[in-house]
Amino acid sequence: MTAARGNAPARAKVKVGAAFAITVAFELVDGVFSEFHRLVSENAALSVELEPDCLRFDVLTPEYAAEAKHVFLYEIYRDRAAFDLHLASEHFRRFDQRSRELVISKTVLAYTVRENAKIAERT
């Protein structure tokens, strides 16, 4: 037996807006990949765990590099304000301070997200 629609609980309408994304391309000092990767992976994991509006934080590394010198980050936040909170977080400030000497260059780009994703079907 199914409940009549009139008896279903009211659901709040969720405003769907564009999310905010950031990409960061790092070029690393020779021989520091392992240390940098440890630091950035910790920052990514803490961002997803501790920041409710950090929706995604991926760390990409070259697949075939013998000694990697590049790391690429792809981060998605609910909005720009959520990213600003990320920048003020203790784990980000700690990462930023500890990784500075390991980086030759850093390119940061900001984006508006218009998502096109496959949704997993539920059985």
PDB file of N, CA and C in Angstrom:
ATOM      1  N   MET A   1       0.850  -1.173   0.000  1.00  0.00           N
ATOM      2  CA  MET A   1       0.000   0.000   0.000  1.00  0.00           C
ATOM      3  C   MET A   1       0.893   1.234   0.000  1.00  0.00           C
ATOM      4  N   THR A   2       0.578   2.189  -0.857  1.00  0.00           N
ATOM      5  CA  THR A   2       1.376   3.398  -0.915  1.00  0.00           C
ATOM      6  C   THR A   2       0.612   4.558  -0.321  1.00  0.00           C
ATOM      7  N   ALA A   3       1.346   5.503   0.219  1.00  0.00           N
ATOM      8  CA  ALA A   3       0.713   6.678   0.823  1.00  0.00           C
ATOM      9  C   ALA A   3       0.210   7.597  -0.276  1.00  0.00           C
ATOM     10  N   ALA A   4      -0.892   8.237  -0.016  1.00  0.00           N
ATOM     11  CA  ALA A   4      -1.425   9.211  -0.968  1.00  0.00           C
ATOM     12  C   ALA A   4      -0.502  10.419  -1.013  1.00  0.00           C
ATOM     13  N   ARG A   5      -0.423  11.046  -2.175  1.00  0.00           N
ATOM     14  CA  ARG A   5       0.465  12.204  -2.309  1.00  0.00           C
ATOM     15  C   ARG A   5       0.100  13.314  -1.348  1.00  0.00           C
ATOM     16  N   GLY A   6      -1.129  13.471  -1.042  1.00  0.00           N
ATOM     17  CA  GLY A   6      -1.547  14.530  -0.129  1.00  0.00           C
ATOM     18  C   GLY A   6      -0.985  14.342   1.270  1.00  0.00           C
ATOM     19  N   ASN A   7      -0.628  13.099   1.614  1.00  0.00           N
ATOM     20  CA  ASN A   7      -0.096  12.812   2.941  1.00  0.00           C
ATOM     21  C   ASN A   7       1.432  12.850   2.992  1.00  0.00           C
ATOM     22  N   ALA A   8       2.060  13.045   1.865  1.00  0.00           N
ATOM     23  CA  ALA A   8       3.528  13.068   1.845  1.00  0.00           C
ATOM     24  C   ALA A   8       4.032  14.323   2.533  1.00  0.00           C
ATOM     25  N   PRO A   9       5.139  14.210   3.274  1.00  0.00           N
ATOM     26  CA  PRO A   9       5.671  15.389   3.950  1.00  0.00           C
ATOM     27  C   PRO A   9       6.114  16.438   2.935  1.00  0.00           C
ATOM     28  N   ALA A  10       5.933  17.690   3.320  1.00  0.00           N
ATOM     29  CA  ALA A  10       6.358  18.786   2.437  1.00  0.00           C
ATOM     30  C   ALA A  10       7.878  18.797   2.352  1.00  0.00           C
ATOM     31  N   ARG A  11       8.387  19.023   1.154  1.00  0.00           N
ATOM     32  CA  ARG A  11       9.835  19.097   0.961  1.00  0.00           C
ATOM     33  C   ARG A  11      10.197  20.530   0.609  1.00  0.00           C
ATOM     34  N   ALA A  12      11.256  21.001   1.240  1.00  0.00           N
ATOM     35  CA  ALA A  12      11.720  22.358   0.928  1.00  0.00           C
ATOM     36  C   ALA A  12      12.324  22.370  -0.473  1.00  0.00           C
ATOM     37  N   LYS A  13      12.082  23.421  -1.199  1.00  0.00           N
ATOM     38  CA  LYS A  13      12.680  23.549  -2.517  1.00  0.00           C
ATOM     39  C   LYS A  13      14.139  23.935  -2.347  1.00  0.00           C
ATOM     40  N   VAL A  14      14.984  23.233  -3.062  1.00  0.00           N
ATOM     41  CA  VAL A  14      16.411  23.507  -2.998  1.00  0.00           C
ATOM     42  C   VAL A  14      16.785  24.355  -4.202  1.00  0.00           C
ATOM     43  N   LYS A  15      17.394  25.481  -3.940  1.00  0.00           N
ATOM     44  CA  LYS A  15      17.835  26.335  -5.033  1.00  0.00           C
ATOM     45  C   LYS A  15      19.094  25.728  -5.636  1.00  0.00           C
ATOM     46  N   VAL A  16      19.023  25.437  -6.921  1.00  0.00           N
ATOM     47  CA  VAL A  16      20.162  24.842  -7.592  1.00  0.00           C
ATOM     48  C   VAL A  16      20.903  25.949  -8.316  1.00  0.00           C
ATOM     49  N   GLY A  17      22.145  26.146  -7.954  1.00  0.00           N
ATOM     50  CA  GLY A  17      22.963  27.163  -8.592  1.00  0.00           C
ATOM     51  C   GLY A  17      24.267  26.541  -9.037  1.00  0.00           C
ATOM     52  N   ALA A  18      25.034  27.334  -9.709  1.00  0.00           N
ATOM     53  CA  ALA A  18      26.324  26.854 -10.180  1.00  0.00           C
ATOM     54  C   ALA A  18      27.299  26.785  -9.015  1.00  0.00           C
ATOM     55  N   ALA A  19      28.025  25.707  -8.979  1.00  0.00           N
ATOM     56  CA  ALA A  19      29.061  25.552  -7.966  1.00  0.00           C
ATOM     57  C   ALA A  19      30.308  26.326  -8.409  1.00  0.00           C
ATOM     58  N   PHE A  20      31.281  26.405  -7.520  1.00  0.00           N
ATOM     59  CA  PHE A  20      32.538  27.106  -7.767  1.00  0.00           C
ATOM     60  C   PHE A  20      33.658  26.066  -7.789  1.00  0.00           C
ATOM     61  N   ALA A  21      34.497  26.136  -8.802  1.00  0.00           N
ATOM     62  CA  ALA A  21      35.616  25.192  -8.899  1.00  0.00           C
ATOM     63  C   ALA A  21      36.920  25.944  -9.019  1.00  0.00           C
ATOM     64  N   ILE A  22      37.959  25.280  -8.609  1.00  0.00           N
ATOM     65  CA  ILE A  22      39.305  25.819  -8.695  1.00  0.00           C
ATOM     66  C   ILE A  22      40.221  24.714  -9.204  1.00  0.00           C
ATOM     67  N   THR A  23      41.143  25.072 -10.068  1.00  0.00           N
ATOM     68  CA  THR A  23      42.193  24.139 -10.450  1.00  0.00           C
ATOM     69  C   THR A  23      43.517  24.772 -10.068  1.00  0.00           C
ATOM     70  N   VAL A  24      44.434  23.918  -9.662  1.00  0.00           N
ATOM     71  CA  VAL A  24      45.767  24.392  -9.298  1.00  0.00           C
ATOM     72  C   VAL A  24      46.774  23.446  -9.938  1.00  0.00           C
ATOM     73  N   ALA A  25      47.663  24.018 -10.736  1.00  0.00           N
ATOM     74  CA  ALA A  25      48.732  23.243 -11.361  1.00  0.00           C
ATOM     75  C   ALA A  25      50.048  23.606 -10.681  1.00  0.00           C
ATOM     76  N   PHE A  26      50.686  22.605 -10.100  1.00  0.00           N
ATOM     77  CA  PHE A  26      51.961  22.810  -9.413  1.00  0.00           C
ATOM     78  C   PHE A  26      53.098  22.233 -10.247  1.00  0.00           C
ATOM     79  N   GLU A  27      54.198  22.956 -10.329  1.00  0.00           N
ATOM     80  CA  GLU A  27      55.458  22.420 -10.820  1.00  0.00           C
ATOM     81  C   GLU A  27      56.370  22.337  -9.606  1.00  0.00           C
ATOM     82  N   LEU A  28      56.915  21.157  -9.376  1.00  0.00           N
ATOM     83  CA  LEU A  28      57.657  20.896  -8.140  1.00  0.00           C
ATOM     84  C   LEU A  28      59.166  20.961  -8.329  1.00  0.00           C
ATOM     85  N   VAL A  29      59.848  21.244  -7.231  1.00  0.00           N
ATOM     86  CA  VAL A  29      61.297  21.169  -7.157  1.00  0.00           C
ATOM     87  C   VAL A  29      61.696  19.707  -7.347  1.00  0.00           C
ATOM     88  N   ASP A  30      62.822  19.462  -7.983  1.00  0.00           N
ATOM     89  CA  ASP A  30      63.308  18.081  -8.171  1.00  0.00           C
ATOM     90  C   ASP A  30      63.406  17.338  -6.842  1.00  0.00           C
ATOM     91  N   GLY A  31      62.924  16.101  -6.852  1.00  0.00           N
ATOM     92  CA  GLY A  31      63.102  15.209  -5.711  1.00  0.00           C
ATOM     93  C   GLY A  31      62.150  15.396  -4.548  1.00  0.00           C
ATOM     94  N   VAL A  32      61.110  16.238  -4.674  1.00  0.00           N
ATOM     95  CA  VAL A  32      60.217  16.485  -3.535  1.00  0.00           C
ATOM     96  C   VAL A  32      58.818  15.904  -3.727  1.00  0.00           C
ATOM     97  N   PHE A  33      58.613  15.164  -4.815  1.00  0.00           N
ATOM     98  CA  PHE A  33      57.260  14.693  -5.118  1.00  0.00           C
ATOM     99  C   PHE A  33      56.628  13.936  -3.948  1.00  0.00           C
ATOM    100  N   SER A  34      57.330  12.994  -3.357  1.00  0.00           N
ATOM    101  CA  SER A  34      56.740  12.172  -2.277  1.00  0.00           C
ATOM    102  C   SER A  34      56.266  13.030  -1.115  1.00  0.00           C
ATOM    103  N   GLU A  35      57.083  13.979  -0.690  1.00  0.00           N
ATOM    104  CA  GLU A  35      56.707  14.847   0.427  1.00  0.00           C
ATOM    105  C   GLU A  35      55.532  15.748   0.045  1.00  0.00           C
ATOM    106  N   PHE A  36      55.597  16.338  -1.138  1.00  0.00           N
ATOM    107  CA  PHE A  36      54.502  17.200  -1.575  1.00  0.00           C
ATOM    108  C   PHE A  36      53.209  16.397  -1.696  1.00  0.00           C
ATOM    109  N   HIS A  37      53.285  15.225  -2.282  1.00  0.00           N
ATOM    110  CA  HIS A  37      52.092  14.397  -2.455  1.00  0.00           C
ATOM    111  C   HIS A  37      51.477  14.024  -1.113  1.00  0.00           C
ATOM    112  N   ARG A  38      52.294  13.741  -0.127  1.00  0.00           N
ATOM    113  CA  ARG A  38      51.793  13.444   1.219  1.00  0.00           C
ATOM    114  C   ARG A  38      51.051  14.650   1.789  1.00  0.00           C
ATOM    115  N   LEU A  39      51.646  15.830   1.659  1.00  0.00           N
ATOM    116  CA  LEU A  39      51.030  17.049   2.197  1.00  0.00           C
ATOM    117  C   LEU A  39      49.723  17.397   1.489  1.00  0.00           C
ATOM    118  N   VAL A  40      49.729  17.358   0.160  1.00  0.00           N
ATOM    119  CA  VAL A  40      48.530  17.748  -0.587  1.00  0.00           C
ATOM    120  C   VAL A  40      47.414  16.717  -0.410  1.00  0.00           C
ATOM    121  N   SER A  41      47.766  15.452  -0.307  1.00  0.00           N
ATOM    122  CA  SER A  41      46.748  14.408  -0.097  1.00  0.00           C
ATOM    123  C   SER A  41      46.093  14.557   1.268  1.00  0.00           C
ATOM    124  N   GLU A  42      46.886  14.909   2.271  1.00  0.00           N
ATOM    125  CA  GLU A  42      46.339  15.151   3.614  1.00  0.00           C
ATOM    126  C   GLU A  42      45.388  16.343   3.588  1.00  0.00           C
ATOM    127  N   ASN A  43      45.798  17.420   2.920  1.00  0.00           N
ATOM    128  CA  ASN A  43      44.948  18.603   2.816  1.00  0.00           C
ATOM    129  C   ASN A  43      43.635  18.279   2.096  1.00  0.00           C
ATOM    130  N   ALA A  44      43.710  17.525   1.022  1.00  0.00           N
ATOM    131  CA  ALA A  44      42.512  17.153   0.275  1.00  0.00           C
ATOM    132  C   ALA A  44      41.561  16.332   1.138  1.00  0.00           C
ATOM    133  N   ALA A  45      42.090  15.335   1.821  1.00  0.00           N
ATOM    134  CA  ALA A  45      41.244  14.471   2.656  1.00  0.00           C
ATOM    135  C   ALA A  45      40.585  15.272   3.777  1.00  0.00           C
ATOM    136  N   LEU A  46      41.333  16.150   4.424  1.00  0.00           N
ATOM    137  CA  LEU A  46      40.762  16.966   5.500  1.00  0.00           C
ATOM    138  C   LEU A  46      39.738  17.957   4.967  1.00  0.00           C
ATOM    139  N   SER A  47      39.959  18.478   3.788  1.00  0.00           N
ATOM    140  CA  SER A  47      38.997  19.413   3.192  1.00  0.00           C
ATOM    141  C   SER A  47      37.652  18.742   2.979  1.00  0.00           C
ATOM    142  N   VAL A  48      37.668  17.544   2.404  1.00  0.00           N
ATOM    143  CA  VAL A  48      36.423  16.816   2.154  1.00  0.00           C
ATOM    144  C   VAL A  48      35.771  16.393   3.473  1.00  0.00           C
ATOM    145  N   GLU A  49      36.587  15.975   4.422  1.00  0.00           N
ATOM    146  CA  GLU A  49      36.060  15.500   5.707  1.00  0.00           C
ATOM    147  C   GLU A  49      35.497  16.632   6.570  1.00  0.00           C
ATOM    148  N   LEU A  50      36.204  17.752   6.654  1.00  0.00           N
ATOM    149  CA  LEU A  50      35.864  18.802   7.618  1.00  0.00           C
ATOM    150  C   LEU A  50      35.036  19.954   7.060  1.00  0.00           C
ATOM    151  N   GLU A  51      35.012  20.112   5.751  1.00  0.00           N
ATOM    152  CA  GLU A  51      34.307  21.239   5.141  1.00  0.00           C
ATOM    153  C   GLU A  51      33.045  20.731   4.434  1.00  0.00           C
ATOM    154  N   PRO A  52      31.877  20.966   5.016  1.00  0.00           N
ATOM    155  CA  PRO A  52      30.640  20.439   4.428  1.00  0.00           C
ATOM    156  C   PRO A  52      30.388  20.910   2.993  1.00  0.00           C
ATOM    157  N   ASP A  53      30.873  22.083   2.636  1.00  0.00           N
ATOM    158  CA  ASP A  53      30.622  22.615   1.298  1.00  0.00           C
ATOM    159  C   ASP A  53      31.783  22.413   0.337  1.00  0.00           C
ATOM    160  N   CYS A  54      32.754  21.607   0.731  1.00  0.00           N
ATOM    161  CA  CYS A  54      33.783  21.137  -0.206  1.00  0.00           C
ATOM    162  C   CYS A  54      33.225  19.848  -0.801  1.00  0.00           C
ATOM    163  N   LEU A  55      32.788  19.928  -2.041  1.00  0.00           N
ATOM    164  CA  LEU A  55      32.085  18.812  -2.663  1.00  0.00           C
ATOM    165  C   LEU A  55      33.013  17.799  -3.313  1.00  0.00           C
ATOM    166  N   ARG A  56      34.182  18.251  -3.719  1.00  0.00           N
ATOM    167  CA  ARG A  56      35.133  17.357  -4.393  1.00  0.00           C
ATOM    168  C   ARG A  56      36.524  17.977  -4.302  1.00  0.00           C
ATOM    169  N   PHE A  57      37.522  17.120  -4.107  1.00  0.00           N
ATOM    170  CA  PHE A  57      38.907  17.589  -4.061  1.00  0.00           C
ATOM    171  C   PHE A  57      39.778  16.448  -4.563  1.00  0.00           C
ATOM    172  N   ASP A  58      40.146  16.520  -5.839  1.00  0.00           N
ATOM    173  CA  ASP A  58      40.941  15.464  -6.448  1.00  0.00           C
ATOM    174  C   ASP A  58      42.385  15.921  -6.619  1.00  0.00           C
ATOM    175  N   VAL A  59      43.300  14.998  -6.378  1.00  0.00           N
ATOM    176  CA  VAL A  59      44.730  15.220  -6.592  1.00  0.00           C
ATOM    177  C   VAL A  59      45.128  14.348  -7.772  1.00  0.00           C
ATOM    178  N   LEU A  60      45.562  14.976  -8.858  1.00  0.00           N
ATOM    179  CA  LEU A  60      45.938  14.248 -10.077  1.00  0.00           C
ATOM    180  C   LEU A  60      47.450  14.296 -10.239  1.00  0.00           C
ATOM    181  N   THR A  61      48.018  13.137 -10.565  1.00  0.00           N
ATOM    182  CA  THR A  61      49.457  13.036 -10.790  1.00  0.00           C
ATOM    183  C   THR A  61      49.708  12.354 -12.129  1.00  0.00           C
ATOM    184  N   PRO A  62      50.848  12.657 -12.765  1.00  0.00           N
ATOM    185  CA  PRO A  62      51.143  12.037 -14.054  1.00  0.00           C
ATOM    186  C   PRO A  62      51.196  10.518 -13.944  1.00  0.00           C
ATOM    187  N   GLU A  63      50.610   9.853 -14.904  1.00  0.00           N
ATOM    188  CA  GLU A  63      50.541   8.392 -14.866  1.00  0.00           C
ATOM    189  C   GLU A  63      51.873   7.731 -15.199  1.00  0.00           C
ATOM    190  N   TYR A  64      52.637   8.315 -16.109  1.00  0.00           N
ATOM    191  CA  TYR A  64      53.833   7.631 -16.600  1.00  0.00           C
ATOM    192  C   TYR A  64      55.140   8.325 -16.269  1.00  0.00           C
ATOM    193  N   ALA A  65      55.129   9.278 -15.382  1.00  0.00           N
ATOM    194  CA  ALA A  65      56.373   9.980 -15.059  1.00  0.00           C
ATOM    195  C   ALA A  65      57.204   9.153 -14.084  1.00  0.00           C
ATOM    196  N   ALA A  66      58.472   8.956 -14.413  1.00  0.00           N
ATOM    197  CA  ALA A  66      59.362   8.216 -13.517  1.00  0.00           C
ATOM    198  C   ALA A  66      59.582   9.017 -12.237  1.00  0.00           C
ATOM    199  N   GLU A  67      59.858  10.293 -12.368  1.00  0.00           N
ATOM    200  CA  GLU A  67      59.988  11.198 -11.221  1.00  0.00           C
ATOM    201  C   GLU A  67      59.058  12.374 -11.479  1.00  0.00           C
ATOM    202  N   ALA A  68      57.891  12.328 -10.895  1.00  0.00           N
ATOM    203  CA  ALA A  68      56.871  13.336 -11.159  1.00  0.00           C
ATOM    204  C   ALA A  68      57.316  14.715 -10.678  1.00  0.00           C
ATOM    205  N   LYS A  69      57.038  15.705 -11.494  1.00  0.00           N
ATOM    206  CA  LYS A  69      57.333  17.094 -11.146  1.00  0.00           C
ATOM    207  C   LYS A  69      56.083  17.959 -11.197  1.00  0.00           C
ATOM    208  N   HIS A  70      54.952  17.349 -11.555  1.00  0.00           N
ATOM    209  CA  HIS A  70      53.715  18.115 -11.681  1.00  0.00           C
ATOM    210  C   HIS A  70      52.588  17.439 -10.901  1.00  0.00           C
ATOM    211  N   VAL A  71      51.772  18.273 -10.268  1.00  0.00           N
ATOM    212  CA  VAL A  71      50.564  17.817  -9.574  1.00  0.00           C
ATOM    213  C   VAL A  71      49.465  18.802  -9.937  1.00  0.00           C
ATOM    214  N   PHE A  72      48.271  18.264 -10.194  1.00  0.00           N
ATOM    215  CA  PHE A  72      47.131  19.079 -10.605  1.00  0.00           C
ATOM    216  C   PHE A  72      45.987  18.826  -9.634  1.00  0.00           C
ATOM    217  N   LEU A  73      45.404  19.888  -9.107  1.00  0.00           N
ATOM    218  CA  LEU A  73      44.276  19.769  -8.185  1.00  0.00           C
ATOM    219  C   LEU A  73      43.001  20.226  -8.881  1.00  0.00           C
ATOM    220  N   TYR A  74      41.915  19.528  -8.574  1.00  0.00           N
ATOM    221  CA  TYR A  74      40.592  19.881  -9.070  1.00  0.00           C
ATOM    222  C   TYR A  74      39.665  19.871  -7.864  1.00  0.00           C
ATOM    223  N   GLU A  75      39.151  21.060  -7.511  1.00  0.00           N
ATOM    224  CA  GLU A  75      38.337  21.202  -6.309  1.00  0.00           C
ATOM    225  C   GLU A  75      36.996  21.834  -6.667  1.00  0.00           C
ATOM    226  N   ILE A  76      35.921  21.324  -6.081  1.00  0.00           N
ATOM    227  CA  ILE A  76      34.598  21.911  -6.290  1.00  0.00           C
ATOM    228  C   ILE A  76      33.989  22.246  -4.928  1.00  0.00           C
ATOM    229  N   TYR A  77      33.475  23.459  -4.837  1.00  0.00           N
ATOM    230  CA  TYR A  77      32.830  23.956  -3.622  1.00  0.00           C
ATOM    231  C   TYR A  77      31.407  24.388  -3.954  1.00  0.00           C
ATOM    232  N   ARG A  78      30.548  24.373  -2.964  1.00  0.00           N
ATOM    233  CA  ARG A  78      29.151  24.753  -3.182  1.00  0.00           C
ATOM    234  C   ARG A  78      29.063  26.161  -3.776  1.00  0.00           C
ATOM    235  N   ASP A  79      29.938  27.055  -3.337  1.00  0.00           N
ATOM    236  CA  ASP A  79      29.958  28.427  -3.859  1.00  0.00           C
ATOM    237  C   ASP A  79      31.297  29.066  -3.495  1.00  0.00           C
ATOM    238  N   ARG A  80      31.484  30.300  -3.920  1.00  0.00           N
ATOM    239  CA  ARG A  80      32.746  30.995  -3.667  1.00  0.00           C
ATOM    240  C   ARG A  80      32.993  31.178  -2.171  1.00  0.00           C
ATOM    241  N   ALA A  81      31.952  31.436  -1.423  1.00  0.00           N
ATOM    242  CA  ALA A  81      32.100  31.618   0.029  1.00  0.00           C
ATOM    243  C   ALA A  81      32.674  30.361   0.683  1.00  0.00           C
ATOM    244  N   ALA A  82      32.270  29.199   0.204  1.00  0.00           N
ATOM    245  CA  ALA A  82      32.797  27.939   0.756  1.00  0.00           C
ATOM    246  C   ALA A  82      34.291  27.817   0.459  1.00  0.00           C
ATOM    247  N   PHE A  83      34.713  28.240  -0.712  1.00  0.00           N
ATOM    248  CA  PHE A  83      36.144  28.226  -1.039  1.00  0.00           C
ATOM    249  C   PHE A  83      36.908  29.200  -0.148  1.00  0.00           C
ATOM    250  N   ASP A  84      36.339  30.370   0.101  1.00  0.00           N
ATOM    251  CA  ASP A  84      36.995  31.331   0.988  1.00  0.00           C
ATOM    252  C   ASP A  84      37.170  30.759   2.389  1.00  0.00           C
ATOM    253  N   LEU A  85      36.184  30.000   2.866  1.00  0.00           N
ATOM    254  CA  LEU A  85      36.323  29.325   4.167  1.00  0.00           C
ATOM    255  C   LEU A  85      37.447  28.290   4.120  1.00  0.00           C
ATOM    256  N   HIS A  86      37.568  27.602   3.000  1.00  0.00           N
ATOM    257  CA  HIS A  86      38.658  26.633   2.831  1.00  0.00           C
ATOM    258  C   HIS A  86      40.013  27.325   2.981  1.00  0.00           C
ATOM    259  N   LEU A  87      40.168  28.477   2.332  1.00  0.00           N
ATOM    260  CA  LEU A  87      41.438  29.207   2.407  1.00  0.00           C
ATOM    261  C   LEU A  87      41.774  29.648   3.826  1.00  0.00           C
ATOM    262  N   ALA A  88      40.769  29.841   4.643  1.00  0.00           N
ATOM    263  CA  ALA A  88      40.981  30.266   6.024  1.00  0.00           C
ATOM    264  C   ALA A  88      41.151  29.094   6.993  1.00  0.00           C
ATOM    265  N   SER A  89      40.938  27.872   6.510  1.00  0.00           N
ATOM    266  CA  SER A  89      40.997  26.699   7.399  1.00  0.00           C
ATOM    267  C   SER A  89      42.421  26.424   7.873  1.00  0.00           C
ATOM    268  N   GLU A  90      42.525  25.836   9.031  1.00  0.00           N
ATOM    269  CA  GLU A  90      43.828  25.500   9.610  1.00  0.00           C
ATOM    270  C   GLU A  90      44.570  24.495   8.736  1.00  0.00           C
ATOM    271  N   HIS A  91      43.872  23.477   8.232  1.00  0.00           N
ATOM    272  CA  HIS A  91      44.573  22.471   7.429  1.00  0.00           C
ATOM    273  C   HIS A  91      45.098  23.052   6.127  1.00  0.00           C
ATOM    274  N   PHE A  92      44.366  23.991   5.494  1.00  0.00           N
ATOM    275  CA  PHE A  92      44.901  24.611   4.277  1.00  0.00           C
ATOM    276  C   PHE A  92      46.104  25.491   4.603  1.00  0.00           C
ATOM    277  N   ARG A  93      46.007  26.305   5.639  1.00  0.00           N
ATOM    278  CA  ARG A  93      47.137  27.186   5.992  1.00  0.00           C
ATOM    279  C   ARG A  93      48.377  26.370   6.325  1.00  0.00           C
ATOM    280  N   ARG A  94      48.188  25.244   7.014  1.00  0.00           N
ATOM    281  CA  ARG A  94      49.318  24.364   7.339  1.00  0.00           C
ATOM    282  C   ARG A  94      49.928  23.793   6.053  1.00  0.00           C
ATOM    283  N   PHE A  95      49.095  23.308   5.125  1.00  0.00           N
ATOM    284  CA  PHE A  95      49.585  22.798   3.840  1.00  0.00           C
ATOM    285  C   PHE A  95      50.337  23.893   3.077  1.00  0.00           C
ATOM    286  N   ASP A  96      49.735  25.063   2.985  1.00  0.00           N
ATOM    287  CA  ASP A  96      50.335  26.166   2.233  1.00  0.00           C
ATOM    288  C   ASP A  96      51.718  26.524   2.793  1.00  0.00           C
ATOM    289  N   GLN A  97      51.818  26.610   4.087  1.00  0.00           N
ATOM    290  CA  GLN A  97      53.096  26.959   4.716  1.00  0.00           C
ATOM    291  C   GLN A  97      54.145  25.864   4.497  1.00  0.00           C
ATOM    292  N   ARG A  98      53.783  24.607   4.682  1.00  0.00           N
ATOM    293  CA  ARG A  98      54.747  23.507   4.590  1.00  0.00           C
ATOM    294  C   ARG A  98      55.153  23.179   3.157  1.00  0.00           C
ATOM    295  N   SER A  99      54.332  23.534   2.187  1.00  0.00           N
ATOM    296  CA  SER A  99      54.624  23.152   0.808  1.00  0.00           C
ATOM    297  C   SER A  99      55.318  24.242  -0.007  1.00  0.00           C
ATOM    298  N   ARG A 100      55.371  25.442   0.485  1.00  0.00           N
ATOM    299  CA  ARG A 100      55.919  26.572  -0.289  1.00  0.00           C
ATOM    300  C   ARG A 100      57.307  26.313  -0.862  1.00  0.00           C
ATOM    301  N   GLU A 101      58.190  25.765  -0.079  1.00  0.00           N
ATOM    302  CA  GLU A 101      59.571  25.541  -0.513  1.00  0.00           C
ATOM    303  C   GLU A 101      59.687  24.378  -1.497  1.00  0.00           C
ATOM    304  N   LEU A 102      58.621  23.623  -1.677  1.00  0.00           N
ATOM    305  CA  LEU A 102      58.635  22.459  -2.565  1.00  0.00           C
ATOM    306  C   LEU A 102      58.152  22.791  -3.977  1.00  0.00           C
ATOM    307  N   VAL A 103      57.669  24.018  -4.166  1.00  0.00           N
ATOM    308  CA  VAL A 103      56.998  24.402  -5.405  1.00  0.00           C
ATOM    309  C   VAL A 103      57.811  25.437  -6.186  1.00  0.00           C
ATOM    310  N   ILE A 104      58.004  25.168  -7.482  1.00  0.00           N
ATOM    311  CA  ILE A 104      58.633  26.130  -8.385  1.00  0.00           C
ATOM    312  C   ILE A 104      57.597  27.133  -8.868  1.00  0.00           C
ATOM    313  N   SER A 105      56.452  26.609  -9.323  1.00  0.00           N
ATOM    314  CA  SER A 105      55.384  27.490  -9.801  1.00  0.00           C
ATOM    315  C   SER A 105      54.025  26.890  -9.485  1.00  0.00           C
ATOM    316  N   LYS A 106      53.037  27.789  -9.440  1.00  0.00           N
ATOM    317  CA  LYS A 106      51.677  27.404  -9.086  1.00  0.00           C
ATOM    318  C   LYS A 106      50.736  28.254  -9.928  1.00  0.00           C
ATOM    319  N   THR A 107      49.860  27.593 -10.700  1.00  0.00           N
ATOM    320  CA  THR A 107      48.889  28.307 -11.536  1.00  0.00           C
ATOM    321  C   THR A 107      47.490  27.974 -11.030  1.00  0.00           C
ATOM    322  N   VAL A 108      46.756  28.996 -10.641  1.00  0.00           N
ATOM    323  CA  VAL A 108      45.419  28.830 -10.087  1.00  0.00           C
ATOM    324  C   VAL A 108      44.397  29.446 -11.042  1.00  0.00           C
ATOM    325  N   LEU A 109      43.351  28.680 -11.364  1.00  0.00           N
ATOM    326  CA  LEU A 109      42.256  29.171 -12.196  1.00  0.00           C
ATOM    327  C   LEU A 109      40.932  28.870 -11.497  1.00  0.00           C
ATOM    328  N   ALA A 110      39.993  29.816 -11.584  1.00  0.00           N
ATOM    329  CA  ALA A 110      38.671  29.649 -10.974  1.00  0.00           C
ATOM    330  C   ALA A 110      37.631  29.470 -12.071  1.00  0.00           C
ATOM    331  N   TYR A 111      36.596  28.668 -11.770  1.00  0.00           N
ATOM    332  CA  TYR A 111      35.575  28.324 -12.755  1.00  0.00           C
ATOM    333  C   TYR A 111      34.184  28.317 -12.128  1.00  0.00           C
ATOM    334  N   THR A 112      33.191  28.525 -12.976  1.00  0.00           N
ATOM    335  CA  THR A 112      31.805  28.254 -12.624  1.00  0.00           C
ATOM    336  C   THR A 112      31.501  26.857 -13.147  1.00  0.00           C
ATOM    337  N   VAL A 113      30.831  26.054 -12.349  1.00  0.00           N
ATOM    338  CA  VAL A 113      30.563  24.664 -12.723  1.00  0.00           C
ATOM    339  C   VAL A 113      29.148  24.524 -13.263  1.00  0.00           C
ATOM    340  N   ARG A 114      29.054  24.005 -14.458  1.00  0.00           N
ATOM    341  CA  ARG A 114      27.778  23.589 -15.041  1.00  0.00           C
ATOM    342  C   ARG A 114      27.917  22.084 -15.219  1.00  0.00           C
ATOM    343  N   GLU A 115      27.381  21.338 -14.286  1.00  0.00           N
ATOM    344  CA  GLU A 115      27.655  19.909 -14.188  1.00  0.00           C
ATOM    345  C   GLU A 115      26.932  19.092 -15.248  1.00  0.00           C
ATOM    346  N   ASN A 116      27.662  18.140 -15.787  1.00  0.00           N
ATOM    347  CA  ASN A 116      27.130  17.113 -16.669  1.00  0.00           C
ATOM    348  C   ASN A 116      27.727  15.797 -16.189  1.00  0.00           C
ATOM    349  N   ALA A 117      26.969  15.049 -15.438  1.00  0.00           N
ATOM    350  CA  ALA A 117      27.505  13.836 -14.840  1.00  0.00           C
ATOM    351  C   ALA A 117      26.527  12.679 -15.024  1.00  0.00           C
ATOM    352  N   LYS A 118      27.074  11.486 -15.027  1.00  0.00           N
ATOM    353  CA  LYS A 118      26.249  10.291 -15.027  1.00  0.00           C
ATOM    354  C   LYS A 118      25.835  10.023 -13.581  1.00  0.00           C
ATOM    355  N   ILE A 119      24.605   9.691 -13.420  1.00  0.00           N
ATOM    356  CA  ILE A 119      24.072   9.367 -12.093  1.00  0.00           C
ATOM    357  C   ILE A 119      23.964   7.848 -12.005  1.00  0.00           C
ATOM    358  N   ALA A 120      24.535   7.280 -10.959  1.00  0.00           N
ATOM    359  CA  ALA A 120      24.467   5.829 -10.775  1.00  0.00           C
ATOM    360  C   ALA A 120      23.019   5.422 -10.515  1.00  0.00           C
ATOM    361  N   GLU A 121      22.582   4.393 -11.213  1.00  0.00           N
ATOM    362  CA  GLU A 121      21.229   3.907 -11.008  1.00  0.00           C
ATOM    363  C   GLU A 121      21.177   3.077  -9.748  1.00  0.00           C
ATOM    364  N   ARG A 122      20.136   3.263  -9.004  1.00  0.00           N
ATOM    365  CA  ARG A 122      19.952   2.492  -7.764  1.00  0.00           C
ATOM    366  C   ARG A 122      19.059   1.306  -8.054  1.00  0.00           C
ATOM    367  N   THR A 123      19.410   0.172  -7.493  1.00  0.00           N
ATOM    368  CA  THR A 123      18.599  -1.022  -7.717  1.00  0.00           C
ATOM    369  C   THR A 123      17.608  -1.221  -6.608  1.00  0.00           C
TER     370      THR A 123
END
